[in-house]
């Protein structure tokens, strides 16, 4: 259960960083400049969100009794995955955003085919 919740946190942090980087790329910045600027702007927000989420799981980690024994592994797994998500969102995600789209293809990599359905 903790791993399934953690996947959502990892994806959420990465999406927030990618959206900010893409916004800078759409304004005309190169992928490298957009990655530096976007990660720098959103870094404090990602750190504060991660620390507040970890603070939520601290009481579960410190809980005693049988329930505490059951929830301790859950709290540790989610807290470690949140820290890993923070590191990945502020290091690996901006690096990949700066390297994957080439400088001349700023908008081309976002032009994915859209499937339209009738309602």
PDB file of N, CA and C in Angstrom:
ATOM      1  N   UNK A   1       0.812  -1.177   0.000  1.00  0.00           N
ATOM      2  CA  UNK A   1       0.000   0.000   0.000  1.00  0.00           C
ATOM      3  C   UNK A   1       0.866   1.256   0.000  1.00  0.00           C
ATOM      4  N   UNK A   2       1.945   1.245   0.728  1.00  0.00           N
ATOM      5  CA  UNK A   2       2.817   2.415   0.797  1.00  0.00           C
ATOM      6  C   UNK A   2       3.479   2.693  -0.541  1.00  0.00           C
ATOM      7  N   UNK A   3       3.843   1.653  -1.249  1.00  0.00           N
ATOM      8  CA  UNK A   3       4.483   1.862  -2.548  1.00  0.00           C
ATOM      9  C   UNK A   3       3.509   2.439  -3.563  1.00  0.00           C
ATOM     10  N   UNK A   4       2.261   2.034  -3.512  1.00  0.00           N
ATOM     11  CA  UNK A   4       1.290   2.588  -4.454  1.00  0.00           C
ATOM     12  C   UNK A   4       1.011   4.061  -4.156  1.00  0.00           C
ATOM     13  N   UNK A   5       0.977   4.449  -2.904  1.00  0.00           N
ATOM     14  CA  UNK A   5       0.822   5.853  -2.543  1.00  0.00           C
ATOM     15  C   UNK A   5       2.060   6.636  -2.938  1.00  0.00           C
ATOM     16  N   UNK A   6       3.224   6.048  -2.769  1.00  0.00           N
ATOM     17  CA  UNK A   6       4.478   6.722  -3.073  1.00  0.00           C
ATOM     18  C   UNK A   6       4.637   7.023  -4.556  1.00  0.00           C
ATOM     19  N   UNK A   7       4.119   6.165  -5.408  1.00  0.00           N
ATOM     20  CA  UNK A   7       4.191   6.410  -6.848  1.00  0.00           C
ATOM     21  C   UNK A   7       3.470   7.709  -7.181  1.00  0.00           C
ATOM     22  N   UNK A   8       2.355   7.953  -6.561  1.00  0.00           N
ATOM     23  CA  UNK A   8       1.632   9.200  -6.784  1.00  0.00           C
ATOM     24  C   UNK A   8       2.432  10.414  -6.369  1.00  0.00           C
ATOM     25  N   UNK A   9       3.142  10.338  -5.252  1.00  0.00           N
ATOM     26  CA  UNK A   9       3.968  11.455  -4.809  1.00  0.00           C
ATOM     27  C   UNK A   9       5.119  11.718  -5.773  1.00  0.00           C
ATOM     28  N   UNK A  10       5.761  10.660  -6.244  1.00  0.00           N
ATOM     29  CA  UNK A  10       6.887  10.808  -7.166  1.00  0.00           C
ATOM     30  C   UNK A  10       6.422  11.457  -8.467  1.00  0.00           C
ATOM     31  N   UNK A  11       5.321  10.978  -8.997  1.00  0.00           N
ATOM     32  CA  UNK A  11       4.807  11.529 -10.256  1.00  0.00           C
ATOM     33  C   UNK A  11       4.356  12.970 -10.059  1.00  0.00           C
ATOM     34  N   UNK A  12       3.722  13.276  -8.942  1.00  0.00           N
ATOM     35  CA  UNK A  12       3.237  14.621  -8.680  1.00  0.00           C
ATOM     36  C   UNK A  12       4.378  15.621  -8.636  1.00  0.00           C
ATOM     37  N   UNK A  13       5.443  15.321  -7.921  1.00  0.00           N
ATOM     38  CA  UNK A  13       6.581  16.238  -7.841  1.00  0.00           C
ATOM     39  C   UNK A  13       7.226  16.442  -9.208  1.00  0.00           C
ATOM     40  N   UNK A  14       7.390  15.371  -9.954  1.00  0.00           N
ATOM     41  CA  UNK A  14       8.011  15.489 -11.272  1.00  0.00           C
ATOM     42  C   UNK A  14       7.141  16.301 -12.231  1.00  0.00           C
ATOM     43  N   UNK A  15       5.837  16.116 -12.169  1.00  0.00           N
ATOM     44  CA  UNK A  15       4.938  16.851 -13.065  1.00  0.00           C
ATOM     45  C   UNK A  15       4.981  18.344 -12.773  1.00  0.00           C
ATOM     46  N   UNK A  16       5.035  18.722 -11.506  1.00  0.00           N
ATOM     47  CA  UNK A  16       5.103  20.136 -11.145  1.00  0.00           C
ATOM     48  C   UNK A  16       6.369  20.766 -11.712  1.00  0.00           C
ATOM     49  N   UNK A  17       7.494  20.085 -11.602  1.00  0.00           N
ATOM     50  CA  UNK A  17       8.754  20.609 -12.120  1.00  0.00           C
ATOM     51  C   UNK A  17       8.715  20.680 -13.650  1.00  0.00           C
ATOM     52  N   UNK A  18       8.208  19.646 -14.295  1.00  0.00           N
ATOM     53  CA  UNK A  18       8.151  19.626 -15.766  1.00  0.00           C
ATOM     54  C   UNK A  18       7.247  20.727 -16.283  1.00  0.00           C
ATOM     55  N   UNK A  19       6.108  20.957 -15.640  1.00  0.00           N
ATOM     56  CA  UNK A  19       5.211  22.020 -16.084  1.00  0.00           C
ATOM     57  C   UNK A  19       5.881  23.381 -16.021  1.00  0.00           C
ATOM     58  N   UNK A  20       6.642  23.633 -14.984  1.00  0.00           N
ATOM     59  CA  UNK A  20       7.327  24.915 -14.870  1.00  0.00           C
ATOM     60  C   UNK A  20       8.423  25.050 -15.922  1.00  0.00           C
ATOM     61  N   UNK A  21       9.129  23.982 -16.210  1.00  0.00           N
ATOM     62  CA  UNK A  21      10.180  24.024 -17.233  1.00  0.00           C
ATOM     63  C   UNK A  21       9.563  24.229 -18.613  1.00  0.00           C
ATOM     64  N   UNK A  22       8.486  23.545 -18.905  1.00  0.00           N
ATOM     65  CA  UNK A  22       7.825  23.695 -20.208  1.00  0.00           C
ATOM     66  C   UNK A  22       7.295  25.112 -20.380  1.00  0.00           C
ATOM     67  N   UNK A  23       6.816  25.715 -19.302  1.00  0.00           N
ATOM     68  CA  UNK A  23       6.345  27.099 -19.384  1.00  0.00           C
ATOM     69  C   UNK A  23       7.464  28.036 -19.819  1.00  0.00           C
ATOM     70  N   UNK A  24       8.652  27.825 -19.277  1.00  0.00           N
ATOM     71  CA  UNK A  24       9.793  28.660 -19.683  1.00  0.00           C
ATOM     72  C   UNK A  24      10.211  28.370 -21.118  1.00  0.00           C
ATOM     73  N   UNK A  25      10.100  27.113 -21.531  1.00  0.00           N
ATOM     74  CA  UNK A  25      10.449  26.777 -22.917  1.00  0.00           C
ATOM     75  C   UNK A  25       9.457  27.399 -23.890  1.00  0.00           C
ATOM     76  N   UNK A  26       8.200  27.450 -23.512  1.00  0.00           N
ATOM     77  CA  UNK A  26       7.208  28.079 -24.373  1.00  0.00           C
ATOM     78  C   UNK A  26       7.395  29.584 -24.464  1.00  0.00           C
ATOM     79  N   UNK A  27       8.022  30.171 -23.456  1.00  0.00           N
ATOM     80  CA  UNK A  27       8.315  31.600 -23.489  1.00  0.00           C
ATOM     81  C   UNK A  27       9.549  31.913 -24.312  1.00  0.00           C
ATOM     82  N   UNK A  28      10.246  30.884 -24.817  1.00  0.00           N
ATOM     83  CA  UNK A  28      11.368  31.101 -25.715  1.00  0.00           C
ATOM     84  C   UNK A  28      12.741  30.770 -25.160  1.00  0.00           C
ATOM     85  N   UNK A  29      12.822  30.292 -23.938  1.00  0.00           N
ATOM     86  CA  UNK A  29      14.124  29.945 -23.368  1.00  0.00           C
ATOM     87  C   UNK A  29      14.606  28.618 -23.956  1.00  0.00           C
ATOM     88  N   UNK A  30      15.920  28.449 -23.986  1.00  0.00           N
ATOM     89  CA  UNK A  30      16.474  27.172 -24.440  1.00  0.00           C
ATOM     90  C   UNK A  30      16.172  26.106 -23.388  1.00  0.00           C
ATOM     91  N   UNK A  31      16.220  24.831 -23.764  1.00  0.00           N
ATOM     92  CA  UNK A  31      15.907  23.781 -22.781  1.00  0.00           C
ATOM     93  C   UNK A  31      16.802  23.830 -21.539  1.00  0.00           C
ATOM     94  N   UNK A  32      18.084  24.133 -21.735  1.00  0.00           N
ATOM     95  CA  UNK A  32      18.993  24.194 -20.592  1.00  0.00           C
ATOM     96  C   UNK A  32      18.644  25.361 -19.673  1.00  0.00           C
ATOM     97  N   UNK A  33      18.418  26.549 -20.258  1.00  0.00           N
ATOM     98  CA  UNK A  33      18.062  27.717 -19.450  1.00  0.00           C
ATOM     99  C   UNK A  33      16.722  27.517 -18.762  1.00  0.00           C
ATOM    100  N   UNK A  34      15.773  26.935 -19.488  1.00  0.00           N
ATOM    101  CA  UNK A  34      14.458  26.696 -18.907  1.00  0.00           C
ATOM    102  C   UNK A  34      14.537  25.710 -17.749  1.00  0.00           C
ATOM    103  N   UNK A  35      15.396  24.706 -17.864  1.00  0.00           N
ATOM    104  CA  UNK A  35      15.548  23.726 -16.783  1.00  0.00           C
ATOM    105  C   UNK A  35      16.150  24.361 -15.543  1.00  0.00           C
ATOM    106  N   UNK A  36      17.165  25.186 -15.726  1.00  0.00           N
ATOM    107  CA  UNK A  36      17.776  25.861 -14.572  1.00  0.00           C
ATOM    108  C   UNK A  36      16.796  26.817 -13.910  1.00  0.00           C
ATOM    109  N   UNK A  37      16.136  27.621 -14.733  1.00  0.00           N
ATOM    110  CA  UNK A  37      15.208  28.607 -14.205  1.00  0.00           C
ATOM    111  C   UNK A  37      13.987  27.941 -13.568  1.00  0.00           C
ATOM    112  N   UNK A  38      13.438  26.947 -14.255  1.00  0.00           N
ATOM    113  CA  UNK A  38      12.241  26.279 -13.757  1.00  0.00           C
ATOM    114  C   UNK A  38      12.475  25.516 -12.469  1.00  0.00           C
ATOM    115  N   UNK A  39      13.583  24.791 -12.383  1.00  0.00           N
ATOM    116  CA  UNK A  39      13.892  24.041 -11.154  1.00  0.00           C
ATOM    117  C   UNK A  39      14.225  24.989 -10.007  1.00  0.00           C
ATOM    118  N   UNK A  40      14.881  26.101 -10.326  1.00  0.00           N
ATOM    119  CA  UNK A  40      15.203  27.070  -9.286  1.00  0.00           C
ATOM    120  C   UNK A  40      13.969  27.744  -8.707  1.00  0.00           C
ATOM    121  N   UNK A  41      13.007  28.034  -9.570  1.00  0.00           N
ATOM    122  CA  UNK A  41      11.794  28.700  -9.108  1.00  0.00           C
ATOM    123  C   UNK A  41      10.917  27.790  -8.251  1.00  0.00           C
ATOM    124  N   UNK A  42      10.845  26.537  -8.606  1.00  0.00           N
ATOM    125  CA  UNK A  42       9.898  25.634  -7.962  1.00  0.00           C
ATOM    126  C   UNK A  42      10.552  24.797  -6.857  1.00  0.00           C
ATOM    127  N   UNK A  43      11.872  24.916  -6.696  1.00  0.00           N
ATOM    128  CA  UNK A  43      12.608  24.084  -5.742  1.00  0.00           C
ATOM    129  C   UNK A  43      12.148  24.232  -4.307  1.00  0.00           C
ATOM    130  N   UNK A  44      11.980  25.480  -3.844  1.00  0.00           N
ATOM    131  CA  UNK A  44      11.557  25.695  -2.460  1.00  0.00           C
ATOM    132  C   UNK A  44      10.167  25.121  -2.217  1.00  0.00           C
ATOM    133  N   UNK A  45       9.286  25.230  -3.207  1.00  0.00           N
ATOM    134  CA  UNK A  45       7.931  24.702  -3.063  1.00  0.00           C
ATOM    135  C   UNK A  45       7.950  23.184  -2.927  1.00  0.00           C
ATOM    136  N   UNK A  46       8.758  22.525  -3.747  1.00  0.00           N
ATOM    137  CA  UNK A  46       8.857  21.061  -3.676  1.00  0.00           C
ATOM    138  C   UNK A  46       9.426  20.630  -2.323  1.00  0.00           C
ATOM    139  N   UNK A  47      10.443  21.336  -1.839  1.00  0.00           N
ATOM    140  CA  UNK A  47      11.038  20.999  -0.542  1.00  0.00           C
ATOM    141  C   UNK A  47      10.016  21.182   0.577  1.00  0.00           C
ATOM    142  N   UNK A  48       9.272  22.284   0.560  1.00  0.00           N
ATOM    143  CA  UNK A  48       8.303  22.526   1.636  1.00  0.00           C
ATOM    144  C   UNK A  48       7.155  21.524   1.600  1.00  0.00           C
ATOM    145  N   UNK A  49       6.681  21.166   0.412  1.00  0.00           N
ATOM    146  CA  UNK A  49       5.616  20.167   0.314  1.00  0.00           C
ATOM    147  C   UNK A  49       6.105  18.820   0.838  1.00  0.00           C
ATOM    148  N   UNK A  50       7.335  18.448   0.464  1.00  0.00           N
ATOM    149  CA  UNK A  50       7.875  17.160   0.898  1.00  0.00           C
ATOM    150  C   UNK A  50       8.051  17.116   2.415  1.00  0.00           C
ATOM    151  N   UNK A  51       8.583  18.183   2.995  1.00  0.00           N
ATOM    152  CA  UNK A  51       8.777  18.198   4.446  1.00  0.00           C
ATOM    153  C   UNK A  51       7.449  18.167   5.196  1.00  0.00           C
ATOM    154  N   UNK A  52       6.435  18.845   4.669  1.00  0.00           N
ATOM    155  CA  UNK A  52       5.134  18.807   5.341  1.00  0.00           C
ATOM    156  C   UNK A  52       4.491  17.429   5.232  1.00  0.00           C
ATOM    157  N   UNK A  53       4.685  16.740   4.114  1.00  0.00           N
ATOM    158  CA  UNK A  53       4.149  15.382   3.989  1.00  0.00           C
ATOM    159  C   UNK A  53       4.880  14.407   4.909  1.00  0.00           C
ATOM    160  N   UNK A  54       6.185  14.576   5.052  1.00  0.00           N
ATOM    161  CA  UNK A  54       6.941  13.717   5.971  1.00  0.00           C
ATOM    162  C   UNK A  54       6.486  13.970   7.410  1.00  0.00           C
ATOM    163  N   UNK A  55       6.193  15.234   7.740  1.00  0.00           N
ATOM    164  CA  UNK A  55       5.724  15.563   9.089  1.00  0.00           C
ATOM    165  C   UNK A  55       4.399  14.877   9.403  1.00  0.00           C
ATOM    166  N   UNK A  56       3.587  14.621   8.397  1.00  0.00           N
ATOM    167  CA  UNK A  56       2.323  13.923   8.610  1.00  0.00           C
ATOM    168  C   UNK A  56       2.560  12.477   9.039  1.00  0.00           C
ATOM    169  N   UNK A  57       3.629  11.861   8.526  1.00  0.00           N
ATOM    170  CA  UNK A  57       3.873  10.448   8.819  1.00  0.00           C
ATOM    171  C   UNK A  57       4.725  10.225  10.065  1.00  0.00           C
ATOM    172  N   UNK A  58       5.239  11.272  10.697  1.00  0.00           N
ATOM    173  CA  UNK A  58       6.045  11.112  11.911  1.00  0.00           C
ATOM    174  C   UNK A  58       5.228  10.495  13.052  1.00  0.00           C
ATOM    175  N   UNK A  59       3.983  10.925  13.309  1.00  0.00           N
ATOM    176  CA  UNK A  59       3.225  10.268  14.396  1.00  0.00           C
ATOM    177  C   UNK A  59       2.993   8.774  14.159  1.00  0.00           C
ATOM    178  N   UNK A  60       2.840   8.373  12.900  1.00  0.00           N
ATOM    179  CA  UNK A  60       2.687   6.943  12.627  1.00  0.00           C
ATOM    180  C   UNK A  60       3.967   6.184  12.968  1.00  0.00           C
ATOM    181  N   UNK A  61       5.100   6.816  12.722  1.00  0.00           N
ATOM    182  CA  UNK A  61       6.382   6.182  13.020  1.00  0.00           C
ATOM    183  C   UNK A  61       6.600   6.041  14.525  1.00  0.00           C
ATOM    184  N   UNK A  62       6.103   7.003  15.289  1.00  0.00           N
ATOM    185  CA  UNK A  62       6.326   7.006  16.738  1.00  0.00           C
ATOM    186  C   UNK A  62       5.227   6.310  17.532  1.00  0.00           C
ATOM    187  N   UNK A  63       4.201   5.816  16.862  1.00  0.00           N
ATOM    188  CA  UNK A  63       3.079   5.172  17.540  1.00  0.00           C
ATOM    189  C   UNK A  63       3.521   3.855  18.185  1.00  0.00           C
ATOM    190  N   UNK A  64       3.000   3.591  19.353  1.00  0.00           N
ATOM    191  CA  UNK A  64       3.360   2.358  20.058  1.00  0.00           C
ATOM    192  C   UNK A  64       2.308   1.277  19.899  1.00  0.00           C
ATOM    193  N   UNK A  65       2.573   0.136  20.501  1.00  0.00           N
ATOM    194  CA  UNK A  65       1.627  -0.970  20.499  1.00  0.00           C
ATOM    195  C   UNK A  65       1.628  -1.752  19.195  1.00  0.00           C
ATOM    196  N   UNK A  66       0.607  -2.593  19.055  1.00  0.00           N
ATOM    197  CA  UNK A  66       0.514  -3.444  17.867  1.00  0.00           C
ATOM    198  C   UNK A  66       0.229  -2.624  16.603  1.00  0.00           C
ATOM    199  N   UNK A  67      -0.612  -1.608  16.763  1.00  0.00           N
ATOM    200  CA  UNK A  67      -0.925  -0.757  15.615  1.00  0.00           C
ATOM    201  C   UNK A  67       0.330  -0.018  15.160  1.00  0.00           C
ATOM    202  N   UNK A  68       1.123   0.417  16.106  1.00  0.00           N
ATOM    203  CA  UNK A  68       2.375   1.091  15.771  1.00  0.00           C
ATOM    204  C   UNK A  68       3.337   0.178  15.029  1.00  0.00           C
ATOM    205  N   UNK A  69       3.383  -1.071  15.438  1.00  0.00           N
ATOM    206  CA  UNK A  69       4.238  -2.033  14.738  1.00  0.00           C
ATOM    207  C   UNK A  69       3.775  -2.253  13.299  1.00  0.00           C
ATOM    208  N   UNK A  70       2.465  -2.255  13.100  1.00  0.00           N
ATOM    209  CA  UNK A  70       1.925  -2.445  11.749  1.00  0.00           C
ATOM    210  C   UNK A  70       2.170  -1.222  10.857  1.00  0.00           C
ATOM    211  N   UNK A  71       2.044  -0.034  11.434  1.00  0.00           N
ATOM    212  CA  UNK A  71       2.131   1.193  10.632  1.00  0.00           C
ATOM    213  C   UNK A  71       3.552   1.745  10.509  1.00  0.00           C
ATOM    214  N   UNK A  72       4.488   1.234  11.289  1.00  0.00           N
ATOM    215  CA  UNK A  72       5.858   1.755  11.248  1.00  0.00           C
ATOM    216  C   UNK A  72       6.491   1.534   9.883  1.00  0.00           C
ATOM    217  N   UNK A  73       6.348   0.348   9.324  1.00  0.00           N
ATOM    218  CA  UNK A  73       6.919   0.081   7.997  1.00  0.00           C
ATOM    219  C   UNK A  73       6.270   0.946   6.932  1.00  0.00           C
ATOM    220  N   UNK A  74       4.964   1.160   7.053  1.00  0.00           N
ATOM    221  CA  UNK A  74       4.254   2.022   6.126  1.00  0.00           C
ATOM    222  C   UNK A  74       4.814   3.441   6.171  1.00  0.00           C
ATOM    223  N   UNK A  75       4.978   3.988   7.372  1.00  0.00           N
ATOM    224  CA  UNK A  75       5.472   5.359   7.524  1.00  0.00           C
ATOM    225  C   UNK A  75       6.908   5.492   7.020  1.00  0.00           C
ATOM    226  N   UNK A  76       7.738   4.517   7.290  1.00  0.00           N
ATOM    227  CA  UNK A  76       9.131   4.570   6.827  1.00  0.00           C
ATOM    228  C   UNK A  76       9.188   4.491   5.313  1.00  0.00           C
ATOM    229  N   UNK A  77       8.403   3.610   4.711  1.00  0.00           N
ATOM    230  CA  UNK A  77       8.416   3.461   3.254  1.00  0.00           C
ATOM    231  C   UNK A  77       7.962   4.731   2.565  1.00  0.00           C
ATOM    232  N   UNK A  78       6.887   5.332   3.047  1.00  0.00           N
ATOM    233  CA  UNK A  78       6.392   6.562   2.428  1.00  0.00           C
ATOM    234  C   UNK A  78       7.376   7.705   2.641  1.00  0.00           C
ATOM    235  N   UNK A  79       7.965   7.821   3.821  1.00  0.00           N
ATOM    236  CA  UNK A  79       8.906   8.908   4.094  1.00  0.00           C
ATOM    237  C   UNK A  79      10.165   8.792   3.235  1.00  0.00           C
ATOM    238  N   UNK A  80      10.695   7.594   3.092  1.00  0.00           N
ATOM    239  CA  UNK A  80      11.888   7.403   2.259  1.00  0.00           C
ATOM    240  C   UNK A  80      11.563   7.682   0.794  1.00  0.00           C
ATOM    241  N   UNK A  81      10.402   7.254   0.347  1.00  0.00           N
ATOM    242  CA  UNK A  81      10.033   7.522  -1.045  1.00  0.00           C
ATOM    243  C   UNK A  81       9.812   9.010  -1.280  1.00  0.00           C
ATOM    244  N   UNK A  82       9.329   9.734  -0.287  1.00  0.00           N
ATOM    245  CA  UNK A  82       9.181  11.183  -0.431  1.00  0.00           C
ATOM    246  C   UNK A  82      10.536  11.871  -0.560  1.00  0.00           C
ATOM    247  N   UNK A  83      11.507  11.430   0.217  1.00  0.00           N
ATOM    248  CA  UNK A  83      12.852  12.006   0.111  1.00  0.00           C
ATOM    249  C   UNK A  83      13.460  11.684  -1.264  1.00  0.00           C
ATOM    250  N   UNK A  84      13.282  10.462  -1.724  1.00  0.00           N
ATOM    251  CA  UNK A  84      13.772  10.102  -3.058  1.00  0.00           C
ATOM    252  C   UNK A  84      13.064  10.897  -4.144  1.00  0.00           C
ATOM    253  N   UNK A  85      11.781  11.127  -3.974  1.00  0.00           N
ATOM    254  CA  UNK A  85      11.028  11.931  -4.927  1.00  0.00           C
ATOM    255  C   UNK A  85      11.557  13.359  -4.968  1.00  0.00           C
ATOM    256  N   UNK A  86      11.891  13.905  -3.825  1.00  0.00           N
ATOM    257  CA  UNK A  86      12.467  15.250  -3.762  1.00  0.00           C
ATOM    258  C   UNK A  86      13.778  15.312  -4.525  1.00  0.00           C
ATOM    259  N   UNK A  87      14.645  14.347  -4.294  1.00  0.00           N
ATOM    260  CA  UNK A  87      15.946  14.324  -4.963  1.00  0.00           C
ATOM    261  C   UNK A  87      15.781  14.160  -6.468  1.00  0.00           C
ATOM    262  N   UNK A  88      14.908  13.265  -6.885  1.00  0.00           N
ATOM    263  CA  UNK A  88      14.693  13.032  -8.312  1.00  0.00           C
ATOM    264  C   UNK A  88      14.084  14.260  -8.969  1.00  0.00           C
ATOM    265  N   UNK A  89      13.124  14.906  -8.320  1.00  0.00           N
ATOM    266  CA  UNK A  89      12.452  16.062  -8.909  1.00  0.00           C
ATOM    267  C   UNK A  89      13.377  17.257  -9.078  1.00  0.00           C
ATOM    268  N   UNK A  90      14.344  17.403  -8.195  1.00  0.00           N
ATOM    269  CA  UNK A  90      15.217  18.567  -8.281  1.00  0.00           C
ATOM    270  C   UNK A  90      16.534  18.298  -8.996  1.00  0.00           C
ATOM    271  N   UNK A  91      16.833  17.041  -9.336  1.00  0.00           N
ATOM    272  CA  UNK A  91      18.088  16.745 -10.026  1.00  0.00           C
ATOM    273  C   UNK A  91      17.859  16.061 -11.368  1.00  0.00           C
ATOM    274  N   UNK A  92      17.259  14.890 -11.338  1.00  0.00           N
ATOM    275  CA  UNK A  92      17.116  14.087 -12.550  1.00  0.00           C
ATOM    276  C   UNK A  92      16.094  14.658 -13.525  1.00  0.00           C
ATOM    277  N   UNK A  93      14.973  15.128 -13.028  1.00  0.00           N
ATOM    278  CA  UNK A  93      13.929  15.657 -13.910  1.00  0.00           C
ATOM    279  C   UNK A  93      14.389  16.882 -14.688  1.00  0.00           C
ATOM    280  N   UNK A  94      14.999  17.903 -14.060  1.00  0.00           N
ATOM    281  CA  UNK A  94      15.490  19.034 -14.861  1.00  0.00           C
ATOM    282  C   UNK A  94      16.597  18.640 -15.834  1.00  0.00           C
ATOM    283  N   UNK A  95      17.447  17.687 -15.435  1.00  0.00           N
ATOM    284  CA  UNK A  95      18.509  17.245 -16.336  1.00  0.00           C
ATOM    285  C   UNK A  95      17.917  16.591 -17.575  1.00  0.00           C
ATOM    286  N   UNK A  96      16.915  15.748 -17.388  1.00  0.00           N
ATOM    287  CA  UNK A  96      16.294  15.094 -18.539  1.00  0.00           C
ATOM    288  C   UNK A  96      15.559  16.102 -19.414  1.00  0.00           C
ATOM    289  N   UNK A  97      14.932  17.103 -18.800  1.00  0.00           N
ATOM    290  CA  UNK A  97      14.245  18.133 -19.584  1.00  0.00           C
ATOM    291  C   UNK A  97      15.221  18.968 -20.396  1.00  0.00           C
ATOM    292  N   UNK A  98      16.426  19.149 -19.896  1.00  0.00           N
ATOM    293  CA  UNK A  98      17.397  19.948 -20.635  1.00  0.00           C
ATOM    294  C   UNK A  98      18.079  19.154 -21.735  1.00  0.00           C
ATOM    295  N   UNK A  99      18.097  17.849 -21.625  1.00  0.00           N
ATOM    296  CA  UNK A  99      18.802  17.017 -22.604  1.00  0.00           C
ATOM    297  C   UNK A  99      17.913  16.398 -23.667  1.00  0.00           C
ATOM    298  N   UNK A 100      16.690  16.038 -23.343  1.00  0.00           N
ATOM    299  CA  UNK A 100      15.849  15.320 -24.298  1.00  0.00           C
ATOM    300  C   UNK A 100      15.407  16.179 -25.488  1.00  0.00           C
ATOM    301  N   UNK A 101      14.756  17.318 -25.299  1.00  0.00           N
ATOM    302  CA  UNK A 101      14.395  18.118 -26.477  1.00  0.00           C
ATOM    303  C   UNK A 101      15.598  18.906 -26.975  1.00  0.00           C
ATOM    304  N   UNK A 102      15.853  18.851 -28.255  1.00  0.00           N
ATOM    305  CA  UNK A 102      16.971  19.598 -28.822  1.00  0.00           C
ATOM    306  C   UNK A 102      16.591  21.065 -28.929  1.00  0.00           C
ATOM    307  N   UNK A 103      17.583  21.929 -29.048  1.00  0.00           N
ATOM    308  CA  UNK A 103      17.348  23.370 -29.045  1.00  0.00           C
ATOM    309  C   UNK A 103      16.465  23.813 -30.210  1.00  0.00           C
ATOM    310  N   UNK A 104      16.577  23.173 -31.361  1.00  0.00           N
ATOM    311  CA  UNK A 104      15.785  23.564 -32.515  1.00  0.00           C
ATOM    312  C   UNK A 104      14.397  22.966 -32.524  1.00  0.00           C
ATOM    313  N   UNK A 105      14.108  22.053 -31.610  1.00  0.00           N
ATOM    314  CA  UNK A 105      12.827  21.349 -31.582  1.00  0.00           C
ATOM    315  C   UNK A 105      12.027  21.701 -30.334  1.00  0.00           C
ATOM    316  N   UNK A 106      12.000  22.961 -29.963  1.00  0.00           N
ATOM    317  CA  UNK A 106      11.368  23.333 -28.702  1.00  0.00           C
ATOM    318  C   UNK A 106       9.907  22.940 -28.633  1.00  0.00           C
ATOM    319  N   UNK A 107       9.158  23.097 -29.709  1.00  0.00           N
ATOM    320  CA  UNK A 107       7.751  22.748 -29.656  1.00  0.00           C
ATOM    321  C   UNK A 107       7.443  21.405 -30.277  1.00  0.00           C
ATOM    322  N   UNK A 108       8.378  20.847 -31.035  1.00  0.00           N
ATOM    323  CA  UNK A 108       8.091  19.630 -31.797  1.00  0.00           C
ATOM    324  C   UNK A 108       7.879  18.419 -30.900  1.00  0.00           C
ATOM    325  N   UNK A 109       8.568  18.314 -29.783  1.00  0.00           N
ATOM    326  CA  UNK A 109       8.449  17.133 -28.939  1.00  0.00           C
ATOM    327  C   UNK A 109       7.150  17.131 -28.151  1.00  0.00           C
ATOM    328  N   UNK A 110       6.455  18.277 -28.102  1.00  0.00           N
ATOM    329  CA  UNK A 110       5.181  18.326 -27.387  1.00  0.00           C
ATOM    330  C   UNK A 110       3.993  18.088 -28.318  1.00  0.00           C
ATOM    331  N   UNK A 111       4.206  18.004 -29.626  1.00  0.00           N
ATOM    332  CA  UNK A 111       3.121  17.816 -30.576  1.00  0.00           C
ATOM    333  C   UNK A 111       2.792  16.334 -30.705  1.00  0.00           C
ATOM    334  N   UNK A 112       2.103  15.820 -29.734  1.00  0.00           N
ATOM    335  CA  UNK A 112       1.702  14.421 -29.753  1.00  0.00           C
ATOM    336  C   UNK A 112       0.328  14.315 -30.399  1.00  0.00           C
ATOM    337  N   UNK A 113       0.045  13.210 -31.069  1.00  0.00           N
ATOM    338  CA  UNK A 113      -1.283  13.084 -31.666  1.00  0.00           C
ATOM    339  C   UNK A 113      -2.366  13.010 -30.594  1.00  0.00           C
ATOM    340  N   UNK A 114      -3.447  13.691 -30.843  1.00  0.00           N
ATOM    341  CA  UNK A 114      -4.551  13.729 -29.900  1.00  0.00           C
ATOM    342  C   UNK A 114      -5.695  12.898 -30.477  1.00  0.00           C
ATOM    343  N   UNK A 115      -6.187  11.993 -29.675  1.00  0.00           N
ATOM    344  CA  UNK A 115      -7.307  11.155 -30.083  1.00  0.00           C
ATOM    345  C   UNK A 115      -8.610  11.855 -29.656  1.00  0.00           C
ATOM    346  N   UNK A 116      -9.434  12.159 -30.609  1.00  0.00           N
ATOM    347  CA  UNK A 116     -10.691  12.844 -30.320  1.00  0.00           C
ATOM    348  C   UNK A 116     -11.832  11.834 -30.370  1.00  0.00           C
ATOM    349  N   UNK A 117     -12.671  11.904 -29.385  1.00  0.00           N
ATOM    350  CA  UNK A 117     -13.825  11.009 -29.350  1.00  0.00           C
ATOM    351  C   UNK A 117     -15.096  11.841 -29.350  1.00  0.00           C
ATOM    352  N   UNK A 118     -16.146  11.264 -29.879  1.00  0.00           N
ATOM    353  CA  UNK A 118     -17.439  11.941 -29.881  1.00  0.00           C
ATOM    354  C   UNK A 118     -18.214  11.549 -28.628  1.00  0.00           C
ATOM    355  N   UNK A 119     -18.859  12.533 -28.066  1.00  0.00           N
ATOM    356  CA  UNK A 119     -19.678  12.261 -26.871  1.00  0.00           C
ATOM    357  C   UNK A 119     -21.141  12.246 -27.227  1.00  0.00           C
TER     358      UNK A 119
END
